[in-house]
């Protein structure tokens, strides 16, 4: 393997690591958004049930 082949392989590996890093970040963001949405929906359901109880 000559230096150009090694360099090309290194660049491909760096690209793969970058892709994994980006995908991992997107996954974490989606999980955080899902958690926030679930908390919001739970709070809204609790508010709605309290309103029904007051009637």
PDB file of N, CA and C in Angstrom:
ATOM      1  N   UNK A   1       0.852  -1.169   0.000  1.00  0.00           N
ATOM      2  CA  UNK A   1       0.000   0.000   0.000  1.00  0.00           C
ATOM      3  C   UNK A   1       0.905   1.242   0.000  1.00  0.00           C
ATOM      4  N   UNK A   2       0.717   2.080  -0.974  1.00  0.00           N
ATOM      5  CA  UNK A   2       1.548   3.281  -1.024  1.00  0.00           C
ATOM      6  C   UNK A   2       0.914   4.409  -0.209  1.00  0.00           C
ATOM      7  N   UNK A   3       1.643   5.480  -0.116  1.00  0.00           N
ATOM      8  CA  UNK A   3       1.204   6.604   0.737  1.00  0.00           C
ATOM      9  C   UNK A   3      -0.132   7.192   0.277  1.00  0.00           C
ATOM     10  N   UNK A   4      -0.357   7.226  -1.028  1.00  0.00           N
ATOM     11  CA  UNK A   4      -1.626   7.775  -1.533  1.00  0.00           C
ATOM     12  C   UNK A   4      -2.808   6.887  -1.152  1.00  0.00           C
ATOM     13  N   UNK A   5      -2.614   5.572  -1.184  1.00  0.00           N
ATOM     14  CA  UNK A   5      -3.675   4.650  -0.786  1.00  0.00           C
ATOM     15  C   UNK A   5      -3.969   4.778   0.715  1.00  0.00           C
ATOM     16  N   UNK A   6      -2.900   4.910   1.498  1.00  0.00           N
ATOM     17  CA  UNK A   6      -3.068   5.080   2.939  1.00  0.00           C
ATOM     18  C   UNK A   6      -3.810   6.382   3.220  1.00  0.00           C
ATOM     19  N   UNK A   7      -3.435   7.432   2.540  1.00  0.00           N
ATOM     20  CA  UNK A   7      -4.076   8.729   2.716  1.00  0.00           C
ATOM     21  C   UNK A   7      -5.559   8.646   2.354  1.00  0.00           C
ATOM     22  N   UNK A   8      -5.869   7.963   1.247  1.00  0.00           N
ATOM     23  CA  UNK A   8      -7.261   7.818   0.820  1.00  0.00           C
ATOM     24  C   UNK A   8      -8.065   7.027   1.857  1.00  0.00           C
ATOM     25  N   UNK A   9      -7.504   5.940   2.371  1.00  0.00           N
ATOM     26  CA  UNK A   9      -8.181   5.144   3.389  1.00  0.00           C
ATOM     27  C   UNK A   9      -8.414   5.962   4.664  1.00  0.00           C
ATOM     28  N   UNK A  10      -7.419   6.753   5.031  1.00  0.00           N
ATOM     29  CA  UNK A  10      -7.542   7.606   6.211  1.00  0.00           C
ATOM     30  C   UNK A  10      -8.679   8.605   6.043  1.00  0.00           C
ATOM     31  N   UNK A  11      -8.765   9.204   4.870  1.00  0.00           N
ATOM     32  CA  UNK A  11      -9.845  10.167   4.613  1.00  0.00           C
ATOM     33  C   UNK A  11     -11.209   9.487   4.658  1.00  0.00           C
ATOM     34  N   UNK A  12     -11.281   8.263   4.125  1.00  0.00           N
ATOM     35  CA  UNK A  12     -12.551   7.540   4.165  1.00  0.00           C
ATOM     36  C   UNK A  12     -12.954   7.229   5.610  1.00  0.00           C
ATOM     37  N   UNK A  13     -11.990   6.824   6.425  1.00  0.00           N
ATOM     38  CA  UNK A  13     -12.276   6.555   7.832  1.00  0.00           C
ATOM     39  C   UNK A  13     -12.710   7.814   8.569  1.00  0.00           C
ATOM     40  N   UNK A  14     -12.049   8.920   8.285  1.00  0.00           N
ATOM     41  CA  UNK A  14     -12.417  10.190   8.913  1.00  0.00           C
ATOM     42  C   UNK A  14     -13.841  10.568   8.525  1.00  0.00           C
ATOM     43  N   UNK A  15     -14.192  10.377   7.264  1.00  0.00           N
ATOM     44  CA  UNK A  15     -15.556  10.669   6.810  1.00  0.00           C
ATOM     45  C   UNK A  15     -16.575   9.795   7.545  1.00  0.00           C
ATOM     46  N   UNK A  16     -16.243   8.513   7.717  1.00  0.00           N
ATOM     47  CA  UNK A  16     -17.159   7.615   8.421  1.00  0.00           C
ATOM     48  C   UNK A  16     -17.336   8.042   9.877  1.00  0.00           C
ATOM     49  N   UNK A  17     -16.241   8.417  10.531  1.00  0.00           N
ATOM     50  CA  UNK A  17     -16.321   8.868  11.918  1.00  0.00           C
ATOM     51  C   UNK A  17     -17.158  10.138  12.002  1.00  0.00           C
ATOM     52  N   UNK A  18     -16.961  11.053  11.072  1.00  0.00           N
ATOM     53  CA  UNK A  18     -17.769  12.279  11.047  1.00  0.00           C
ATOM     54  C   UNK A  18     -19.249  11.953  10.889  1.00  0.00           C
ATOM     55  N   UNK A  19     -19.561  11.017   9.987  1.00  0.00           N
ATOM     56  CA  UNK A  19     -20.958  10.628   9.778  1.00  0.00           C
ATOM     57  C   UNK A  19     -21.548  10.036  11.052  1.00  0.00           C
ATOM     58  N   UNK A  20     -20.793   9.170  11.715  1.00  0.00           N
ATOM     59  CA  UNK A  20     -21.270   8.571  12.955  1.00  0.00           C
ATOM     60  C   UNK A  20     -21.484   9.623  14.034  1.00  0.00           C
ATOM     61  N   UNK A  21     -20.578  10.575  14.110  1.00  0.00           N
ATOM     62  CA  UNK A  21     -20.696  11.637  15.099  1.00  0.00           C
ATOM     63  C   UNK A  21     -21.966  12.453  14.860  1.00  0.00           C
ATOM     64  N   UNK A  22     -22.207  12.797  13.609  1.00  0.00           N
ATOM     65  CA  UNK A  22     -23.403  13.579  13.262  1.00  0.00           C
ATOM     66  C   UNK A  22     -24.667  12.771  13.556  1.00  0.00           C
ATOM     67  N   UNK A  23     -24.677  11.501  13.152  1.00  0.00           N
ATOM     68  CA  UNK A  23     -25.854  10.667  13.392  1.00  0.00           C
ATOM     69  C   UNK A  23     -26.111  10.485  14.878  1.00  0.00           C
ATOM     70  N   UNK A  24     -25.058  10.323  15.644  1.00  0.00           N
ATOM     71  CA  UNK A  24     -25.206  10.174  17.092  1.00  0.00           C
ATOM     72  C   UNK A  24     -25.799  11.451  17.693  1.00  0.00           C
ATOM     73  N   UNK A  25     -25.336  12.592  17.239  1.00  0.00           N
ATOM     74  CA  UNK A  25     -25.885  13.863  17.711  1.00  0.00           C
ATOM     75  C   UNK A  25     -27.353  14.013  17.355  1.00  0.00           C
ATOM     76  N   UNK A  26     -27.706  13.634  16.135  1.00  0.00           N
ATOM     77  CA  UNK A  26     -29.106  13.705  15.716  1.00  0.00           C
ATOM     78  C   UNK A  26     -29.970  12.780  16.564  1.00  0.00           C
ATOM     79  N   UNK A  27     -29.460  11.595  16.844  1.00  0.00           N
ATOM     80  CA  UNK A  27     -30.197  10.637  17.659  1.00  0.00           C
ATOM     81  C   UNK A  27     -30.436  11.195  19.060  1.00  0.00           C
ATOM     82  N   UNK A  28     -29.385  11.791  19.649  1.00  0.00           N
ATOM     83  CA  UNK A  28     -29.537  12.366  20.993  1.00  0.00           C
ATOM     84  C   UNK A  28     -30.556  13.496  20.981  1.00  0.00           C
ATOM     85  N   UNK A  29     -30.529  14.323  19.945  1.00  0.00           N
ATOM     86  CA  UNK A  29     -31.504  15.419  19.836  1.00  0.00           C
ATOM     87  C   UNK A  29     -32.928  14.893  19.711  1.00  0.00           C
ATOM     88  N   UNK A  30     -33.095  13.842  18.913  1.00  0.00           N
ATOM     89  CA  UNK A  30     -34.426  13.263  18.760  1.00  0.00           C
ATOM     90  C   UNK A  30     -34.934  12.674  20.071  1.00  0.00           C
ATOM     91  N   UNK A  31     -34.053  12.008  20.807  1.00  0.00           N
ATOM     92  CA  UNK A  31     -34.451  11.460  22.101  1.00  0.00           C
ATOM     93  C   UNK A  31     -34.842  12.571  23.074  1.00  0.00           C
ATOM     94  N   UNK A  32     -34.073  13.641  23.084  1.00  0.00           N
ATOM     95  CA  UNK A  32     -34.383  14.764  23.974  1.00  0.00           C
ATOM     96  C   UNK A  32     -35.725  15.391  23.588  1.00  0.00           C
ATOM     97  N   UNK A  33     -35.959  15.556  22.288  1.00  0.00           N
ATOM     98  CA  UNK A  33     -37.239  16.107  21.823  1.00  0.00           C
ATOM     99  C   UNK A  33     -38.399  15.198  22.219  1.00  0.00           C
ATOM    100  N   UNK A  34     -38.196  13.897  22.084  1.00  0.00           N
ATOM    101  CA  UNK A  34     -39.252  12.947  22.450  1.00  0.00           C
ATOM    102  C   UNK A  34     -39.558  13.035  23.939  1.00  0.00           C
ATOM    103  N   UNK A  35     -38.501  13.115  24.767  1.00  0.00           N
ATOM    104  CA  UNK A  35     -38.707  13.220  26.206  1.00  0.00           C
ATOM    105  C   UNK A  35     -39.467  14.494  26.550  1.00  0.00           C
ATOM    106  N   UNK A  36     -39.078  15.606  25.934  1.00  0.00           N
ATOM    107  CA  UNK A  36     -39.763  16.877  26.195  1.00  0.00           C
ATOM    108  C   UNK A  36     -41.229  16.808  25.780  1.00  0.00           C
ATOM    109  N   UNK A  37     -41.491  16.203  24.632  1.00  0.00           N
ATOM    110  CA  UNK A  37     -42.862  16.091  24.147  1.00  0.00           C
ATOM    111  C   UNK A  37     -43.697  15.228  25.095  1.00  0.00           C
ATOM    112  N   UNK A  38     -43.112  14.117  25.576  1.00  0.00           N
ATOM    113  CA  UNK A  38     -43.835  13.253  26.505  1.00  0.00           C
ATOM    114  C   UNK A  38     -44.140  13.984  27.817  1.00  0.00           C
ATOM    115  N   UNK A  39     -43.183  14.754  28.311  1.00  0.00           N
ATOM    116  CA  UNK A  39     -43.403  15.525  29.541  1.00  0.00           C
ATOM    117  C   UNK A  39     -44.507  16.551  29.322  1.00  0.00           C
ATOM    118  N   UNK A  40     -44.456  17.257  28.190  1.00  0.00           N
ATOM    119  CA  UNK A  40     -45.470  18.266  27.880  1.00  0.00           C
ATOM    120  C   UNK A  40     -46.860  17.626  27.783  1.00  0.00           C
ATOM    121  N   UNK A  41     -46.941  16.497  27.071  1.00  0.00           N
ATOM    122  CA  UNK A  41     -48.233  15.831  26.915  1.00  0.00           C
ATOM    123  C   UNK A  41     -48.766  15.337  28.262  1.00  0.00           C
ATOM    124  N   UNK A  42     -47.890  14.851  29.118  1.00  0.00           N
ATOM    125  CA  UNK A  42     -48.307  14.397  30.443  1.00  0.00           C
ATOM    126  C   UNK A  42     -48.836  15.575  31.268  1.00  0.00           C
ATOM    127  N   UNK A  43     -48.133  16.716  31.201  1.00  0.00           N
ATOM    128  CA  UNK A  43     -48.585  17.905  31.924  1.00  0.00           C
ATOM    129  C   UNK A  43     -49.940  18.373  31.412  1.00  0.00           C
ATOM    130  N   UNK A  44     -50.122  18.348  30.103  1.00  0.00           N
ATOM    131  CA  UNK A  44     -51.394  18.780  29.524  1.00  0.00           C
ATOM    132  C   UNK A  44     -52.524  17.847  29.944  1.00  0.00           C
ATOM    133  N   UNK A  45     -52.244  16.550  29.980  1.00  0.00           N
ATOM    134  CA  UNK A  45     -53.261  15.584  30.395  1.00  0.00           C
ATOM    135  C   UNK A  45     -53.622  15.800  31.865  1.00  0.00           C
ATOM    136  N   UNK A  46     -52.634  16.091  32.696  1.00  0.00           N
ATOM    137  CA  UNK A  46     -52.899  16.352  34.110  1.00  0.00           C
ATOM    138  C   UNK A  46     -53.742  17.612  34.281  1.00  0.00           C
ATOM    139  N   UNK A  47     -53.426  18.658  33.518  1.00  0.00           N
ATOM    140  CA  UNK A  47     -54.216  19.891  33.589  1.00  0.00           C
ATOM    141  C   UNK A  47     -55.656  19.634  33.165  1.00  0.00           C
ATOM    142  N   UNK A  48     -55.817  18.850  32.108  1.00  0.00           N
ATOM    143  CA  UNK A  48     -57.162  18.558  31.608  1.00  0.00           C
ATOM    144  C   UNK A  48     -57.956  17.757  32.637  1.00  0.00           C
ATOM    145  N   UNK A  49     -57.306  16.807  33.283  1.00  0.00           N
ATOM    146  CA  UNK A  49     -58.033  16.005  34.275  1.00  0.00           C
ATOM    147  C   UNK A  49     -58.381  16.849  35.503  1.00  0.00           C
ATOM    148  N   UNK A  50     -57.541  17.805  35.878  1.00  0.00           N
ATOM    149  CA  UNK A  50     -57.849  18.697  37.006  1.00  0.00           C
ATOM    150  C   UNK A  50     -59.032  19.588  36.679  1.00  0.00           C
ATOM    151  N   UNK A  51     -59.100  20.052  35.443  1.00  0.00           N
ATOM    152  CA  UNK A  51     -60.237  20.882  35.027  1.00  0.00           C
ATOM    153  C   UNK A  51     -61.544  20.095  35.082  1.00  0.00           C
ATOM    154  N   UNK A  52     -61.483  18.823  34.687  1.00  0.00           N
ATOM    155  CA  UNK A  52     -62.684  17.993  34.714  1.00  0.00           C
ATOM    156  C   UNK A  52     -63.137  17.745  36.142  1.00  0.00           C
ATOM    157  N   UNK A  53     -62.167  17.589  37.053  1.00  0.00           N
ATOM    158  CA  UNK A  53     -62.507  17.338  38.449  1.00  0.00           C
ATOM    159  C   UNK A  53     -63.167  18.551  39.091  1.00  0.00           C
ATOM    160  N   UNK A  54     -62.787  19.747  38.661  1.00  0.00           N
ATOM    161  CA  UNK A  54     -63.353  20.968  39.248  1.00  0.00           C
ATOM    162  C   UNK A  54     -64.786  21.201  38.811  1.00  0.00           C
ATOM    163  N   UNK A  55     -65.201  20.622  37.731  1.00  0.00           N
ATOM    164  CA  UNK A  55     -66.556  20.848  37.206  1.00  0.00           C
ATOM    165  C   UNK A  55     -67.599  20.136  37.981  1.00  0.00           C
TER     166      UNK A  55
END
